[in-house]
Amino acid sequence: MRVAVTGTPGTGKTTATDLVESDLELVHLNEVIREEGLATGRDEDRDSLVADLDAVADWLGERDDLLLDSHLAHQLDVDRVVVLRCHPEELERRLTERGEPAAKAEENAESEALDVILAEAVERHGEESVYEIDATDRDPEAVAGEIERVIDGEREPSAGTVSFIEYL
């Protein structure tokens, strides 16, 4: 089984996945992309690498029993997709505190309010494979526990249960 943990940057993916207790191998895809050179270039406006998703898929190969962490993980072949959500105001605060430029933090907050990653995940994998977790007011351990419930099949799919549209 492959489980993707995805979401807008700043929702807590890496922090939560580091705490997940599971037999799945944890792969932080952003590190892999950087360390293995799996990018097609650099987006200067966003000061980020442009991932080569075909190269990432090739790097993963046929490996199974993976927990994939990245805002891009939902774009790969996986069995379940966990979309971490965070209220846009809190998301913007988190990103600004970690040193992101204000324009990038605002762009990510707007993307979160518009459900961009959730919509992409549902479009690619279907509602029956997508699990939303609102991480706004949950500590990382609680988020990790919810991810474990998804992995263990103890949680029902829940795409479309979180809305931050009032932010816009």
Protein backbone atom coordinates (compact mmCIF):
# COMPACT_ATOMS: atom_id res chain seq x y z
CA MET A 1 0.00 0.00 0.00
CA ARG A 2 1.08 3.54 -0.74
CA VAL A 3 -0.31 6.43 1.28
CA ALA A 4 0.27 10.06 0.31
CA VAL A 5 0.19 12.80 2.91
CA THR A 6 -0.25 16.04 1.03
CA GLY A 7 -1.48 19.56 1.57
CA THR A 8 -0.55 23.16 1.06
CA PRO A 9 2.94 24.01 2.36
CA GLY A 10 2.70 24.82 6.07
CA THR A 11 -0.14 22.44 6.98
CA GLY A 12 2.18 20.22 9.03
CA LYS A 13 2.86 17.26 6.74
CA THR A 14 6.50 16.64 7.64
CA THR A 15 6.02 17.25 11.35
CA ALA A 16 3.06 14.84 11.50
CA THR A 17 4.52 12.12 9.27
CA ASP A 18 7.70 12.07 11.37
CA LEU A 19 5.46 11.05 14.31
CA VAL A 20 3.42 8.36 12.51
CA GLU A 21 3.92 4.88 13.88
CA SER A 22 3.53 2.48 10.99
CA ASP A 23 5.26 -0.31 9.09
CA LEU A 24 5.21 1.91 6.00
CA GLU A 25 8.54 3.40 4.91
CA LEU A 26 8.41 7.19 5.27
CA VAL A 27 9.67 9.10 2.22
CA HIS A 28 9.95 12.89 2.38
CA LEU A 29 9.63 13.53 -1.35
CA ASN A 30 10.84 17.14 -1.27
CA GLU A 31 14.16 15.92 0.20
CA VAL A 32 14.39 13.17 -2.44
CA ILE A 33 13.74 15.66 -5.25
CA ARG A 34 16.45 17.97 -3.92
CA GLU A 35 19.02 15.30 -3.05
CA GLU A 36 18.54 13.09 -6.12
CA GLY A 37 18.29 15.97 -8.60
CA LEU A 38 14.75 15.08 -9.68
CA ALA A 39 13.82 18.58 -10.83
CA THR A 40 13.43 20.06 -14.27
CA GLY A 41 14.51 23.52 -13.13
CA ARG A 42 13.77 26.30 -10.70
CA ASP A 43 10.72 28.53 -10.41
CA GLU A 44 12.42 31.84 -9.67
CA ASP A 45 9.14 33.60 -8.81
CA ARG A 46 8.38 31.05 -6.08
CA ASP A 47 12.02 30.31 -5.23
CA SER A 48 11.42 26.57 -5.49
CA LEU A 49 12.43 23.57 -7.56
CA VAL A 50 10.11 22.31 -10.29
CA ALA A 51 9.77 18.59 -9.66
CA ASP A 52 10.04 16.09 -12.47
CA LEU A 53 7.17 13.84 -11.40
CA ASP A 54 8.03 11.19 -13.99
CA ALA A 55 11.55 11.00 -12.55
CA VAL A 56 10.11 10.81 -9.03
CA ALA A 57 7.81 7.96 -10.10
CA ASP A 58 10.76 6.17 -11.68
CA TRP A 59 12.81 6.67 -8.50
CA LEU A 60 10.00 5.13 -6.44
CA GLY A 61 9.68 2.29 -8.92
CA GLU A 62 7.40 -0.55 -7.90
CA ARG A 63 8.15 -0.15 -4.19
CA ASP A 64 5.17 -0.61 -1.97
CA ASP A 65 4.45 -0.01 1.72
CA LEU A 66 5.31 3.67 1.48
CA LEU A 67 4.15 6.78 3.32
CA LEU A 68 4.88 9.68 0.97
CA ASP A 69 5.09 13.20 2.39
CA SER A 70 4.94 16.20 0.03
CA HIS A 71 2.60 18.83 -1.35
CA LEU A 72 3.08 16.87 -4.59
CA ALA A 73 2.47 13.35 -3.23
CA HIS A 74 -1.14 13.25 -4.45
CA GLN A 75 0.14 13.52 -8.03
CA LEU A 76 1.70 10.06 -7.81
CA ASP A 77 0.18 6.57 -7.93
CA VAL A 78 -1.04 5.89 -4.40
CA ASP A 79 -3.85 3.95 -2.75
CA ARG A 80 -4.95 6.56 -0.21
CA VAL A 81 -4.46 10.31 -0.02
CA VAL A 82 -4.46 12.22 3.26
CA VAL A 83 -4.94 15.94 2.66
CA LEU A 84 -3.89 18.03 5.64
CA ARG A 85 -5.80 21.29 5.87
CA CYS A 86 -5.14 24.45 7.87
CA HIS A 87 -7.11 27.66 8.18
CA PRO A 88 -5.54 30.15 5.73
CA GLU A 89 -4.84 32.79 8.40
CA GLU A 90 -2.97 30.23 10.52
CA LEU A 91 -1.22 28.88 7.43
CA GLU A 92 -0.06 32.36 6.43
CA ARG A 93 1.24 32.94 9.97
CA ARG A 94 3.16 29.63 9.97
CA LEU A 95 4.76 30.29 6.60
CA THR A 96 5.74 33.84 7.52
CA GLU A 97 7.25 32.63 10.81
CA ARG A 98 9.42 30.12 8.98
CA GLY A 99 10.77 32.87 6.74
CA GLU A 100 8.67 32.61 3.58
CA PRO A 101 8.12 35.89 1.73
CA ALA A 102 4.75 37.53 2.44
CA ALA A 103 3.61 37.13 -1.19
CA LYS A 104 4.34 33.38 -1.15
CA ALA A 105 2.58 32.95 2.20
CA GLU A 106 -0.46 34.84 0.89
CA GLU A 107 -0.54 32.79 -2.33
CA ASN A 108 -0.47 29.55 -0.34
CA ALA A 109 -3.22 30.82 2.01
CA GLU A 110 -5.44 31.61 -0.98
CA SER A 111 -4.72 28.18 -2.50
CA GLU A 112 -5.76 26.60 0.79
CA ALA A 113 -9.02 28.58 0.88
CA LEU A 114 -9.75 27.48 -2.69
CA ASP A 115 -9.16 23.77 -1.91
CA VAL A 116 -6.57 23.51 -4.71
CA ILE A 117 -4.74 20.41 -3.46
CA LEU A 118 -7.94 18.72 -2.29
CA ALA A 119 -9.50 19.22 -5.75
CA GLU A 120 -6.40 17.81 -7.46
CA ALA A 121 -6.39 14.78 -5.14
CA VAL A 122 -10.07 14.04 -5.72
CA GLU A 123 -9.72 14.52 -9.47
CA ARG A 124 -6.84 12.04 -9.69
CA HIS A 125 -7.84 9.48 -7.04
CA GLY A 126 -11.60 9.85 -6.52
CA GLU A 127 -13.48 10.80 -3.35
CA GLU A 128 -13.35 7.21 -2.08
CA SER A 129 -9.56 7.44 -1.65
CA VAL A 130 -9.22 10.92 -0.13
CA TYR A 131 -9.17 11.71 3.61
CA GLU A 132 -9.18 15.31 4.87
CA ILE A 133 -7.73 16.22 8.25
CA ASP A 134 -8.11 19.75 9.62
CA ALA A 135 -4.77 20.32 11.35
CA THR A 136 -5.47 23.94 12.32
CA ASP A 137 -6.05 23.36 16.03
CA ARG A 138 -4.64 19.83 16.41
CA ASP A 139 -1.22 19.11 17.81
CA PRO A 140 1.12 17.10 15.57
CA GLU A 141 0.62 13.93 17.63
CA ALA A 142 -3.14 14.07 17.09
CA VAL A 143 -2.65 14.62 13.34
CA ALA A 144 -0.24 11.67 13.25
CA GLY A 145 -2.86 9.57 15.03
CA GLU A 146 -5.46 10.44 12.38
CA ILE A 147 -2.98 9.51 9.63
CA GLU A 148 -2.41 6.17 11.39
CA ARG A 149 -6.19 5.59 11.40
CA VAL A 150 -6.23 6.14 7.61
CA ILE A 151 -3.33 3.72 7.14
CA ASP A 152 -5.04 1.12 9.32
CA GLY A 153 -8.37 1.49 7.50
CA GLU A 154 -10.12 2.81 10.62
CA ARG A 155 -11.21 6.11 9.09
CA GLU A 156 -13.77 6.73 6.36
CA PRO A 157 -12.91 8.85 3.30
CA SER A 158 -13.83 12.46 3.96
CA ALA A 159 -13.14 14.67 0.94
CA GLY A 160 -15.05 17.93 1.12
CA THR A 161 -15.58 18.08 4.87
CA VAL A 162 -13.31 21.09 5.50
CA SER A 163 -14.05 24.56 4.12
CA PHE A 164 -12.21 27.84 4.50
CA ILE A 165 -14.12 29.72 1.80
CA GLU A 166 -14.98 32.52 4.26
CA TYR A 167 -11.31 33.52 4.11
CA LEU A 168 -11.80 34.83 0.59
